[in-house]
Amino acid sequence: PMVRAQIARWRMWHCLACRGLLVAQGDFRAM
């Protein structure tokens, strides 16, 4: 199960095991 996370002002889902990120496409571009 992923947890909510944030980089700068953008929120996303983060896997604490493999450290992968699930990010909205628009947020990915802006971030």
Full PDB file with SEQRES, HELIX, SHEET, SSBOND, CRYST1, ORIGX, SCALE, CONECT and MASTER records, all heavy atoms in Angstrom:
SEQRES   1 A   31  PRO MET VAL ARG ALA GLN ILE ALA ARG TRP ARG MET TRP          
SEQRES   2 A   31  HIS CYS LEU ALA CYS ARG GLY LEU LEU VAL ALA GLN GLY          
SEQRES   3 A   31  ASP PHE ARG ALA MET                                          
HELIX    1 AA1 GLN A   25  ALA A   30  1                                   6    
SHEET    1 AA1 3 VAL A   3  ILE A   7  0                                        
SHEET    2 AA1 3 TRP A  10  HIS A  14 -1                                        
SHEET    3 AA1 3 LEU A  21  LEU A  22 -1                                        
CRYST1    1.000    1.000    1.000  90.00  90.00  90.00 P 1           1          
ORIGX1      1.000000  0.000000  0.000000        0.00000                         
ORIGX2      0.000000  1.000000  0.000000        0.00000                         
ORIGX3      0.000000  0.000000  1.000000        0.00000                         
SCALE1      1.000000  0.000000  0.000000        0.00000                         
SCALE2      0.000000  1.000000  0.000000        0.00000                         
SCALE3      0.000000  0.000000  1.000000        0.00000                         
ATOM      1  N   PRO A   1       0.836  -1.209   0.000  1.00  0.00           N  
ATOM      2  CA  PRO A   1       0.000   0.000   0.000  1.00  0.00           C  
ATOM      3  C   PRO A   1       0.869   1.258   0.000  1.00  0.00           C  
ATOM      4  O   PRO A   1       1.834   1.351   0.754  1.00  0.00           O  
ATOM      5  CB  PRO A   1      -0.802  -0.105   1.298  1.00  0.00           C  
ATOM      6  CG  PRO A   1      -0.786  -1.550   1.631  1.00  0.00           C  
ATOM      7  CD  PRO A   1       0.536  -2.069   1.131  1.00  0.00           C  
ATOM      8  N   MET A   2       0.520   2.213  -0.853  1.00  0.00           N  
ATOM      9  CA  MET A   2       1.291   3.451  -0.938  1.00  0.00           C  
ATOM     10  C   MET A   2       0.755   4.475   0.060  1.00  0.00           C  
ATOM     11  O   MET A   2      -0.375   4.366   0.519  1.00  0.00           O  
ATOM     12  CB  MET A   2       1.247   4.009  -2.362  1.00  0.00           C  
ATOM     13  CG  MET A   2       1.985   3.131  -3.349  1.00  0.00           C  
ATOM     14  SD  MET A   2       2.154   3.885  -4.970  1.00  0.00           S  
ATOM     15  CE  MET A   2       0.480   3.777  -5.584  1.00  0.00           C  
ATOM     16  N   VAL A   3       1.595   5.445   0.376  1.00  0.00           N  
ATOM     17  CA  VAL A   3       1.219   6.517   1.295  1.00  0.00           C  
ATOM     18  C   VAL A   3       1.218   7.836   0.533  1.00  0.00           C  
ATOM     19  O   VAL A   3       1.864   7.974  -0.501  1.00  0.00           O  
ATOM     20  CB  VAL A   3       2.179   6.604   2.512  1.00  0.00           C  
ATOM     21  CG1 VAL A   3       2.120   5.334   3.328  1.00  0.00           C  
ATOM     22  CG2 VAL A   3       3.592   6.911   2.074  1.00  0.00           C  
ATOM     23  N   ARG A   4       0.496   8.803   1.064  1.00  0.00           N  
ATOM     24  CA  ARG A   4       0.479  10.136   0.478  1.00  0.00           C  
ATOM     25  C   ARG A   4       1.819  10.792   0.735  1.00  0.00           C  
ATOM     26  O   ARG A   4       2.393  10.652   1.816  1.00  0.00           O  
ATOM     27  CB  ARG A   4      -0.590  10.960   1.151  1.00  0.00           C  
ATOM     28  CG  ARG A   4      -1.807  11.409   0.438  1.00  0.00           C  
ATOM     29  CD  ARG A   4      -1.879  11.291  -1.007  1.00  0.00           C  
ATOM     30  NE  ARG A   4      -2.697  12.383  -1.515  1.00  0.00           N  
ATOM     31  CZ  ARG A   4      -2.764  12.697  -2.765  1.00  0.00           C  
ATOM     32  NH1 ARG A   4      -2.100  12.051  -3.651  1.00  0.00           N  
ATOM     33  NH2 ARG A   4      -3.504  13.692  -3.158  1.00  0.00           N  
ATOM     34  N   ALA A   5       2.320  11.503  -0.245  1.00  0.00           N  
ATOM     35  CA  ALA A   5       3.623  12.159  -0.114  1.00  0.00           C  
ATOM     36  C   ALA A   5       3.579  13.473  -0.871  1.00  0.00           C  
ATOM     37  O   ALA A   5       2.620  13.762  -1.590  1.00  0.00           O  
ATOM     38  CB  ALA A   5       4.726  11.261  -0.642  1.00  0.00           C  
ATOM     39  N   GLN A   6       4.651  14.231  -0.724  1.00  0.00           N  
ATOM     40  CA  GLN A   6       4.711  15.544  -1.351  1.00  0.00           C  
ATOM     41  C   GLN A   6       6.148  15.880  -1.707  1.00  0.00           C  
ATOM     42  O   GLN A   6       7.071  15.590  -0.948  1.00  0.00           O  
ATOM     43  CB  GLN A   6       4.160  16.569  -0.354  1.00  0.00           C  
ATOM     44  CG  GLN A   6       4.057  17.963  -0.884  1.00  0.00           C  
ATOM     45  CD  GLN A   6       3.276  18.850   0.067  1.00  0.00           C  
ATOM     46  OE1 GLN A   6       2.276  18.427   0.641  1.00  0.00           O  
ATOM     47  NE2 GLN A   6       3.726  20.075   0.235  1.00  0.00           N  
ATOM     48  N   ILE A   7       6.332  16.475  -2.885  1.00  0.00           N  
ATOM     49  CA  ILE A   7       7.607  17.060  -3.299  1.00  0.00           C  
ATOM     50  C   ILE A   7       7.283  18.506  -3.640  1.00  0.00           C  
ATOM     51  O   ILE A   7       6.419  18.763  -4.484  1.00  0.00           O  
ATOM     52  CB  ILE A   7       8.220  16.344  -4.512  1.00  0.00           C  
ATOM     53  CG1 ILE A   7       8.569  14.898  -4.168  1.00  0.00           C  
ATOM     54  CG2 ILE A   7       9.455  17.098  -5.011  1.00  0.00           C  
ATOM     55  CD1 ILE A   7       9.100  14.092  -5.343  1.00  0.00           C  
ATOM     56  N   ALA A   8       7.956  19.427  -2.965  1.00  0.00           N  
ATOM     57  CA  ALA A   8       7.637  20.859  -3.069  1.00  0.00           C  
ATOM     58  C   ALA A   8       6.145  21.011  -2.777  1.00  0.00           C  
ATOM     59  O   ALA A   8       5.694  20.593  -1.720  1.00  0.00           O  
ATOM     60  CB  ALA A   8       8.058  21.427  -4.405  1.00  0.00           C  
ATOM     61  N   ARG A   9       5.360  21.540  -3.703  1.00  0.00           N  
ATOM     62  CA  ARG A   9       3.930  21.723  -3.427  1.00  0.00           C  
ATOM     63  C   ARG A   9       3.055  20.651  -4.082  1.00  0.00           C  
ATOM     64  O   ARG A   9       1.835  20.703  -3.998  1.00  0.00           O  
ATOM     65  CB  ARG A   9       3.484  23.111  -3.866  1.00  0.00           C  
ATOM     66  CG  ARG A   9       3.592  23.353  -5.355  1.00  0.00           C  
ATOM     67  CD  ARG A   9       3.085  24.759  -5.696  1.00  0.00           C  
ATOM     68  NE  ARG A   9       3.295  25.083  -7.074  1.00  0.00           N  
ATOM     69  CZ  ARG A   9       4.325  25.779  -7.536  1.00  0.00           C  
ATOM     70  NH1 ARG A   9       5.243  26.211  -6.718  1.00  0.00           N  
ATOM     71  NH2 ARG A   9       4.442  26.048  -8.823  1.00  0.00           N  
ATOM     72  N   TRP A  10       3.642  19.678  -4.753  1.00  0.00           N  
ATOM     73  CA  TRP A  10       2.887  18.663  -5.475  1.00  0.00           C  
ATOM     74  C   TRP A  10       2.724  17.407  -4.634  1.00  0.00           C  
ATOM     75  O   TRP A  10       3.687  16.850  -4.133  1.00  0.00           O  
ATOM     76  CB  TRP A  10       3.555  18.348  -6.802  1.00  0.00           C  
ATOM     77  CG  TRP A  10       3.487  19.525  -7.712  1.00  0.00           C  
ATOM     78  CD1 TRP A  10       2.437  19.888  -8.515  1.00  0.00           C  
ATOM     79  CD2 TRP A  10       4.488  20.532  -7.882  1.00  0.00           C  
ATOM     80  NE1 TRP A  10       2.733  21.045  -9.173  1.00  0.00           N  
ATOM     81  CE2 TRP A  10       3.987  21.474  -8.808  1.00  0.00           C  
ATOM     82  CE3 TRP A  10       5.761  20.735  -7.344  1.00  0.00           C  
ATOM     83  CZ2 TRP A  10       4.700  22.581  -9.211  1.00  0.00           C  
ATOM     84  CZ3 TRP A  10       6.479  21.842  -7.731  1.00  0.00           C  
ATOM     85  CH2 TRP A  10       5.948  22.747  -8.658  1.00  0.00           C  
ATOM     86  N   ARG A  11       1.480  16.951  -4.546  1.00  0.00           N  
ATOM     87  CA  ARG A  11       1.170  15.729  -3.800  1.00  0.00           C  
ATOM     88  C   ARG A  11       1.094  14.551  -4.754  1.00  0.00           C  
ATOM     89  O   ARG A  11       0.747  14.705  -5.920  1.00  0.00           O  
ATOM     90  CB  ARG A  11      -0.138  15.885  -3.050  1.00  0.00           C  
ATOM     91  CG  ARG A  11       0.007  16.884  -1.931  1.00  0.00           C  
ATOM     92  CD  ARG A  11      -1.129  16.784  -0.988  1.00  0.00           C  
ATOM     93  NE  ARG A  11      -0.852  17.672   0.143  1.00  0.00           N  
ATOM     94  CZ  ARG A  11      -1.397  17.533   1.310  1.00  0.00           C  
ATOM     95  NH1 ARG A  11      -2.226  16.556   1.531  1.00  0.00           N  
ATOM     96  NH2 ARG A  11      -1.105  18.371   2.276  1.00  0.00           N  
ATOM     97  N   MET A  12       1.411  13.393  -4.205  1.00  0.00           N  
ATOM     98  CA  MET A  12       1.453  12.170  -4.999  1.00  0.00           C  
ATOM     99  C   MET A  12       1.322  10.982  -4.069  1.00  0.00           C  
ATOM    100  O   MET A  12       1.240  11.144  -2.859  1.00  0.00           O  
ATOM    101  CB  MET A  12       2.769  12.100  -5.772  1.00  0.00           C  
ATOM    102  CG  MET A  12       3.988  12.027  -4.871  1.00  0.00           C  
ATOM    103  SD  MET A  12       5.476  12.703  -5.582  1.00  0.00           S  
ATOM    104  CE  MET A  12       5.078  14.402  -5.778  1.00  0.00           C  
ATOM    105  N   TRP A  13       1.358   9.788  -4.622  1.00  0.00           N  
ATOM    106  CA  TRP A  13       1.405   8.552  -3.841  1.00  0.00           C  
ATOM    107  C   TRP A  13       2.824   8.018  -3.931  1.00  0.00           C  
ATOM    108  O   TRP A  13       3.465   8.086  -4.981  1.00  0.00           O  
ATOM    109  CB  TRP A  13       0.393   7.547  -4.376  1.00  0.00           C  
ATOM    110  CG  TRP A  13      -1.019   7.989  -4.148  1.00  0.00           C  
ATOM    111  CD1 TRP A  13      -1.847   8.599  -5.048  1.00  0.00           C  
ATOM    112  CD2 TRP A  13      -1.746   7.904  -2.930  1.00  0.00           C  
ATOM    113  NE1 TRP A  13      -3.039   8.896  -4.461  1.00  0.00           N  
ATOM    114  CE2 TRP A  13      -3.019   8.465  -3.157  1.00  0.00           C  
ATOM    115  CE3 TRP A  13      -1.461   7.404  -1.662  1.00  0.00           C  
ATOM    116  CZ2 TRP A  13      -3.994   8.533  -2.182  1.00  0.00           C  
ATOM    117  CZ3 TRP A  13      -2.440   7.463  -0.685  1.00  0.00           C  
ATOM    118  CH2 TRP A  13      -3.699   8.032  -0.953  1.00  0.00           C  
ATOM    119  N   HIS A  14       3.294   7.455  -2.813  1.00  0.00           N  
ATOM    120  CA  HIS A  14       4.695   7.017  -2.697  1.00  0.00           C  
ATOM    121  C   HIS A  14       4.733   5.620  -2.080  1.00  0.00           C  
ATOM    122  O   HIS A  14       4.061   5.363  -1.086  1.00  0.00           O  
ATOM    123  CB  HIS A  14       5.439   8.020  -1.809  1.00  0.00           C  
ATOM    124  CG  HIS A  14       6.852   7.686  -1.514  1.00  0.00           C  
ATOM    125  ND1 HIS A  14       7.819   7.548  -2.483  1.00  0.00           N  
ATOM    126  CD2 HIS A  14       7.489   7.459  -0.340  1.00  0.00           C  
ATOM    127  CE1 HIS A  14       8.972   7.282  -1.914  1.00  0.00           C  
ATOM    128  NE2 HIS A  14       8.794   7.201  -0.615  1.00  0.00           N  
ATOM    129  N   CYS A  15       5.515   4.735  -2.674  1.00  0.00           N  
ATOM    130  CA  CYS A  15       5.711   3.394  -2.113  1.00  0.00           C  
ATOM    131  C   CYS A  15       6.947   3.424  -1.225  1.00  0.00           C  
ATOM    132  O   CYS A  15       8.034   3.757  -1.689  1.00  0.00           O  
ATOM    133  CB  CYS A  15       5.883   2.358  -3.218  1.00  0.00           C  
ATOM    134  SG  CYS A  15       6.181   0.697  -2.564  1.00  0.00           S  
ATOM    135  N   LEU A  16       6.775   3.071   0.028  1.00  0.00           N  
ATOM    136  CA  LEU A  16       7.900   3.080   0.958  1.00  0.00           C  
ATOM    137  C   LEU A  16       8.837   1.890   0.739  1.00  0.00           C  
ATOM    138  O   LEU A  16       9.981   1.924   1.169  1.00  0.00           O  
ATOM    139  CB  LEU A  16       7.393   3.096   2.406  1.00  0.00           C  
ATOM    140  CG  LEU A  16       6.602   4.342   2.801  1.00  0.00           C  
ATOM    141  CD1 LEU A  16       6.051   4.201   4.206  1.00  0.00           C  
ATOM    142  CD2 LEU A  16       7.461   5.589   2.672  1.00  0.00           C  
ATOM    143  N   ALA A  17       8.367   0.833   0.058  1.00  0.00           N  
ATOM    144  CA  ALA A  17       9.203  -0.337  -0.193  1.00  0.00           C  
ATOM    145  C   ALA A  17      10.134  -0.125  -1.388  1.00  0.00           C  
ATOM    146  O   ALA A  17      11.350  -0.207  -1.266  1.00  0.00           O  
ATOM    147  CB  ALA A  17       8.338  -1.571  -0.403  1.00  0.00           C  
ATOM    148  N   CYS A  18       9.546   0.167  -2.566  1.00  0.00           N  
ATOM    149  CA  CYS A  18      10.370   0.313  -3.776  1.00  0.00           C  
ATOM    150  C   CYS A  18      10.695   1.774  -4.092  1.00  0.00           C  
ATOM    151  O   CYS A  18      11.449   2.051  -5.012  1.00  0.00           O  
ATOM    152  CB  CYS A  18       9.693  -0.347  -4.970  1.00  0.00           C  
ATOM    153  SG  CYS A  18       8.220   0.517  -5.571  1.00  0.00           S  
ATOM    154  N   ARG A  19      10.098   2.712  -3.351  1.00  0.00           N  
ATOM    155  CA  ARG A  19      10.299   4.151  -3.483  1.00  0.00           C  
ATOM    156  C   ARG A  19       9.792   4.723  -4.812  1.00  0.00           C  
ATOM    157  O   ARG A  19      10.271   5.747  -5.286  1.00  0.00           O  
ATOM    158  CB  ARG A  19      11.753   4.541  -3.258  1.00  0.00           C  
ATOM    159  CG  ARG A  19      12.256   4.172  -1.875  1.00  0.00           C  
ATOM    160  CD  ARG A  19      13.651   4.661  -1.663  1.00  0.00           C  
ATOM    161  NE  ARG A  19      14.198   4.124  -0.416  1.00  0.00           N  
ATOM    162  CZ  ARG A  19      15.456   4.272  -0.062  1.00  0.00           C  
ATOM    163  NH1 ARG A  19      16.295   4.939  -0.819  1.00  0.00           N  
ATOM    164  NH2 ARG A  19      15.887   3.753   1.060  1.00  0.00           N  
ATOM    165  N   GLY A  20       8.844   4.045  -5.427  1.00  0.00           N  
ATOM    166  CA  GLY A  20       8.223   4.543  -6.644  1.00  0.00           C  
ATOM    167  C   GLY A  20       7.232   5.653  -6.335  1.00  0.00           C  
ATOM    168  O   GLY A  20       6.793   5.811  -5.190  1.00  0.00           O  
ATOM    169  N   LEU A  21       6.878   6.425  -7.367  1.00  0.00           N  
ATOM    170  CA  LEU A  21       5.966   7.560  -7.215  1.00  0.00           C  
ATOM    171  C   LEU A  21       4.838   7.472  -8.228  1.00  0.00           C  
ATOM    172  O   LEU A  21       5.075   7.210  -9.411  1.00  0.00           O  
ATOM    173  CB  LEU A  21       6.708   8.877  -7.438  1.00  0.00           C  
ATOM    174  CG  LEU A  21       7.861   9.198  -6.503  1.00  0.00           C  
ATOM    175  CD1 LEU A  21       8.641  10.399  -7.026  1.00  0.00           C  
ATOM    176  CD2 LEU A  21       7.339   9.465  -5.105  1.00  0.00           C  
ATOM    177  N   LEU A  22       3.610   7.703  -7.781  1.00  0.00           N  
ATOM    178  CA  LEU A  22       2.455   7.802  -8.655  1.00  0.00           C  
ATOM    179  C   LEU A  22       2.016   9.261  -8.630  1.00  0.00           C  
ATOM    180  O   LEU A  22       1.583   9.765  -7.591  1.00  0.00           O  
ATOM    181  CB  LEU A  22       1.328   6.888  -8.185  1.00  0.00           C  
ATOM    182  CG  LEU A  22       0.111   6.839  -9.106  1.00  0.00           C  
ATOM    183  CD1 LEU A  22       0.465   6.116 -10.410  1.00  0.00           C  
ATOM    184  CD2 LEU A  22      -1.046   6.140  -8.415  1.00  0.00           C  
ATOM    185  N   VAL A  23       2.152   9.941  -9.780  1.00  0.00           N  
ATOM    186  CA  VAL A  23       1.953  11.382  -9.862  1.00  0.00           C  
ATOM    187  C   VAL A  23       0.951  11.697 -10.967  1.00  0.00           C  
ATOM    188  O   VAL A  23       0.979  11.073 -12.032  1.00  0.00           O  
ATOM    189  CB  VAL A  23       3.294  12.090 -10.193  1.00  0.00           C  
ATOM    190  CG1 VAL A  23       3.148  13.593 -10.162  1.00  0.00           C  
ATOM    191  CG2 VAL A  23       4.408  11.634  -9.282  1.00  0.00           C  
ATOM    192  N   ALA A  24       0.090  12.673 -10.739  1.00  0.00           N  
ATOM    193  CA  ALA A  24      -0.798  13.147 -11.806  1.00  0.00           C  
ATOM    194  C   ALA A  24       0.072  13.699 -12.935  1.00  0.00           C  
ATOM    195  O   ALA A  24       1.088  14.348 -12.689  1.00  0.00           O  
ATOM    196  CB  ALA A  24      -1.735  14.224 -11.276  1.00  0.00           C  
ATOM    197  N   GLN A  25      -0.319  13.441 -14.191  1.00  0.00           N  
ATOM    198  CA  GLN A  25       0.499  13.849 -15.339  1.00  0.00           C  
ATOM    199  C   GLN A  25       0.793  15.341 -15.346  1.00  0.00           C  
ATOM    200  O   GLN A  25       1.918  15.759 -15.577  1.00  0.00           O  
ATOM    201  CB  GLN A  25      -0.172  13.431 -16.651  1.00  0.00           C  
ATOM    202  CG  GLN A  25      -0.113  11.953 -16.886  1.00  0.00           C  
ATOM    203  CD  GLN A  25      -0.841  11.526 -18.149  1.00  0.00           C  
ATOM    204  OE1 GLN A  25      -1.613  12.283 -18.744  1.00  0.00           O  
ATOM    205  NE2 GLN A  25      -0.607  10.295 -18.563  1.00  0.00           N  
ATOM    206  N   GLY A  26      -0.206  16.168 -15.099  1.00  0.00           N  
ATOM    207  CA  GLY A  26       0.004  17.618 -15.082  1.00  0.00           C  
ATOM    208  C   GLY A  26       0.940  18.026 -13.960  1.00  0.00           C  
ATOM    209  O   GLY A  26       1.788  18.906 -14.128  1.00  0.00           O  
ATOM    210  N   ASP A  27       0.810  17.375 -12.807  1.00  0.00           N  
ATOM    211  CA  ASP A  27       1.703  17.670 -11.683  1.00  0.00           C  
ATOM    212  C   ASP A  27       3.135  17.248 -12.003  1.00  0.00           C  
ATOM    213  O   ASP A  27       4.080  17.924 -11.614  1.00  0.00           O  
ATOM    214  CB  ASP A  27       1.230  16.974 -10.408  1.00  0.00           C  
ATOM    215  CG  ASP A  27      -0.025  17.594  -9.827  1.00  0.00           C  
ATOM    216  OD1 ASP A  27      -0.439  18.667 -10.309  1.00  0.00           O  
ATOM    217  OD2 ASP A  27      -0.587  16.996  -8.886  1.00  0.00           O  
ATOM    218  N   PHE A  28       3.288  16.125 -12.704  1.00  0.00           N  
ATOM    219  CA  PHE A  28       4.624  15.671 -13.085  1.00  0.00           C  
ATOM    220  C   PHE A  28       5.309  16.717 -13.962  1.00  0.00           C  
ATOM    221  O   PHE A  28       6.457  17.098 -13.726  1.00  0.00           O  
ATOM    222  CB  PHE A  28       4.561  14.318 -13.793  1.00  0.00           C  
ATOM    223  CG  PHE A  28       5.868  13.885 -14.404  1.00  0.00           C  
ATOM    224  CD1 PHE A  28       6.969  13.613 -13.603  1.00  0.00           C  
ATOM    225  CD2 PHE A  28       5.995  13.743 -15.773  1.00  0.00           C  
ATOM    226  CE1 PHE A  28       8.181  13.218 -14.161  1.00  0.00           C  
ATOM    227  CE2 PHE A  28       7.195  13.334 -16.332  1.00  0.00           C  
ATOM    228  CZ  PHE A  28       8.282  13.078 -15.526  1.00  0.00           C  
ATOM    229  N   ARG A  29       4.594  17.221 -14.962  1.00  0.00           N  
ATOM    230  CA  ARG A  29       5.168  18.242 -15.852  1.00  0.00           C  
ATOM    231  C   ARG A  29       5.541  19.503 -15.081  1.00  0.00           C  
ATOM    232  O   ARG A  29       6.632  20.050 -15.248  1.00  0.00           O  
ATOM    233  CB  ARG A  29       4.198  18.572 -16.983  1.00  0.00           C  
ATOM    234  CG  ARG A  29       4.127  17.524 -18.064  1.00  0.00           C  
ATOM    235  CD  ARG A  29       3.333  18.002 -19.271  1.00  0.00           C  
ATOM    236  NE  ARG A  29       1.945  18.307 -18.951  1.00  0.00           N  
ATOM    237  CZ  ARG A  29       0.956  17.424 -18.976  1.00  0.00           C  
ATOM    238  NH1 ARG A  29       1.202  16.185 -19.313  1.00  0.00           N  
ATOM    239  NH2 ARG A  29      -0.274  17.788 -18.676  1.00  0.00           N  
ATOM    240  N   ALA A  30       4.629  19.981 -14.239  1.00  0.00           N  
ATOM    241  CA  ALA A  30       4.885  21.209 -13.479  1.00  0.00           C  
ATOM    242  C   ALA A  30       6.021  21.017 -12.473  1.00  0.00           C  
ATOM    243  O   ALA A  30       6.899  21.876 -12.345  1.00  0.00           O  
ATOM    244  CB  ALA A  30       3.608  21.650 -12.761  1.00  0.00           C  
ATOM    245  N   MET A  31       6.018  19.890 -11.769  1.00  0.00           N  
ATOM    246  CA  MET A  31       7.063  19.614 -10.784  1.00  0.00           C  
ATOM    247  C   MET A  31       8.419  19.489 -11.461  1.00  0.00           C  
ATOM    248  O   MET A  31       9.424  20.000 -10.963  1.00  0.00           O  
ATOM    249  CB  MET A  31       6.738  18.326 -10.017  1.00  0.00           C  
ATOM    250  CG  MET A  31       7.778  17.941  -8.993  1.00  0.00           C  
ATOM    251  SD  MET A  31       7.329  16.468  -8.040  1.00  0.00           S  
ATOM    252  CE  MET A  31       6.969  15.269  -9.307  1.00  0.00           C  
TER     253      MET A  31                                                      
MASTER        0    0    0    1    3    0    0    6  252    1    0    3          
END                                                                             
